[in-house]
């Protein structure tokens, strides 16, 4: 009897170890859901939207830019973990009305961007490279960093980098953020050790280093990343403003009038 229990326990441990090994090596396929596009696909849908590429080590990043005649500033938008610019760059009219340019890159392997995501440092340096190319086009203008879902930790990280250099963005906006990927994973997959994560995306660790205003936005019906993540982030940075959008989920918060009104007000005040 004891031998049978030992064999069963060993089998369970082997299965668990195999599963953990799979999660370690295949992490990218479980975190990132790119939708590639052919190189000839036309992303620019109107004359004031321009397609660009930014060269980074081992890849070319696809970037869309809404370019207005005399913009007040620019919103640098880091999108979520699925899709591509064809789906994400769908709110240009909002930025036209606010008189802000919009710059949005696709991550490696997304849309027309080449290459593949391989580690968190690569993500960080890619987004910094795009920022460095486009921010210099806006001397004396308002600079806004905007992260959505996956992009919130990357935006907070970049905002902290710039703050250390004395070039903090005029506003950092984090929509549907997670406090950290480890905390989110522990909620959804409590059996996965935090040390297994090769992408330590930790939004909360960057917030205290951000100079300038921070706006947190979260739907109270978000089933993917619960509202408590934004509440934790506000505890980390009490000066941050938290906008709770009643009835909004994870993917539709931008469709709610309250979000549009308050985000527009924040841009108008810059």
Foldseek 3Di string as FASTA:
>chain_A
DVVVVVVVVVVVVVVLVVVLVCCLVVVQVVAAAADEADPPDDQDDDPQKDWDWFDDVPKIKIKIKRHDDDAQEEEEEEEGRYAASSPVVPPVVLCVVLRYMYMYIDDDPHYHIHDGDDAQVSVLVVSVRVCVVPVVVAVPHAYEYEYAEVGLLSSLQVQLVCLVVVRHGQEYEYELYAQWPLVLCCVVPVPRDSVSDRHGRGNLVRVVSHPHEYEYEYECAAPRHHPVRVVVSCVSPVRYHYHYDYPDYRPCSVVDPVVSVVVSVVSVVD
